[in-house]
């Protein structure tokens, strides 16, 4: 059985950093860092709306 284990290692403002490790039934097969940004949906939607109208 394969599994992945994310662990939150840092939060700086809206940036969240995770350490992720993937394992198979015998050993660790991959590991690394992954970053995500938390957004305010209202602000994001307001910036995107004019662009989506331009492509309609």
Protein backbone atom coordinates (compact mmCIF):
# COMPACT_ATOMS: atom_id res chain seq x y z
CA UNK A 1 0.00 0.00 0.00
CA UNK A 2 1.27 3.47 -0.91
CA UNK A 3 0.77 6.52 1.27
CA UNK A 4 1.65 10.21 1.41
CA UNK A 5 2.11 12.16 4.63
CA UNK A 6 1.90 15.96 4.49
CA UNK A 7 3.03 17.95 7.52
CA UNK A 8 2.61 21.71 7.92
CA UNK A 9 6.06 23.03 8.80
CA UNK A 10 5.63 26.80 8.39
CA UNK A 11 3.00 29.49 8.02
CA UNK A 12 4.09 32.99 7.04
CA UNK A 13 1.23 35.37 6.33
CA UNK A 14 -0.79 33.72 3.58
CA UNK A 15 1.97 31.25 2.60
CA UNK A 16 1.77 27.72 4.02
CA UNK A 17 4.69 25.29 3.61
CA UNK A 18 4.31 21.52 3.89
CA UNK A 19 6.83 18.72 4.05
CA UNK A 20 5.48 15.74 2.11
CA UNK A 21 6.76 12.18 2.13
CA UNK A 22 5.51 9.35 -0.09
CA UNK A 23 6.07 5.74 0.92
CA UNK A 24 5.39 2.35 -0.55
CA UNK A 25 5.05 -0.79 1.54
CA UNK A 26 8.84 -1.00 1.96
CA UNK A 27 10.43 2.44 2.05
CA UNK A 28 10.27 6.16 1.43
CA UNK A 29 10.06 6.75 -2.34
CA UNK A 30 9.84 10.56 -2.48
CA UNK A 31 9.91 13.60 -0.25
CA UNK A 32 9.89 17.33 -0.71
CA UNK A 33 8.42 20.71 0.12
CA UNK A 34 5.14 22.08 -1.19
CA UNK A 35 3.89 25.65 -0.77
CA UNK A 36 0.37 27.00 -1.07
CA UNK A 37 -1.03 30.51 -0.80
CA UNK A 38 -4.30 31.13 1.01
CA UNK A 39 -6.43 33.60 -0.93
CA UNK A 40 -9.50 35.69 -0.16
CA UNK A 41 -12.04 34.45 -2.66
CA UNK A 42 -13.88 37.78 -2.92
CA UNK A 43 -10.71 39.68 -3.79
CA UNK A 44 -9.59 37.01 -6.28
CA UNK A 45 -13.01 36.85 -7.97
CA UNK A 46 -13.02 40.65 -8.31
CA UNK A 47 -9.67 40.61 -10.11
CA UNK A 48 -10.58 37.69 -12.37
CA UNK A 49 -14.07 38.86 -13.41
CA UNK A 50 -12.90 41.49 -15.93
CA UNK A 51 -10.53 38.98 -17.54
CA UNK A 52 -13.23 36.32 -17.93
CA UNK A 53 -15.53 38.85 -19.63
CA UNK A 54 -12.76 39.67 -22.10
CA UNK A 55 -12.64 36.02 -23.23
CA UNK A 56 -16.42 35.46 -23.49
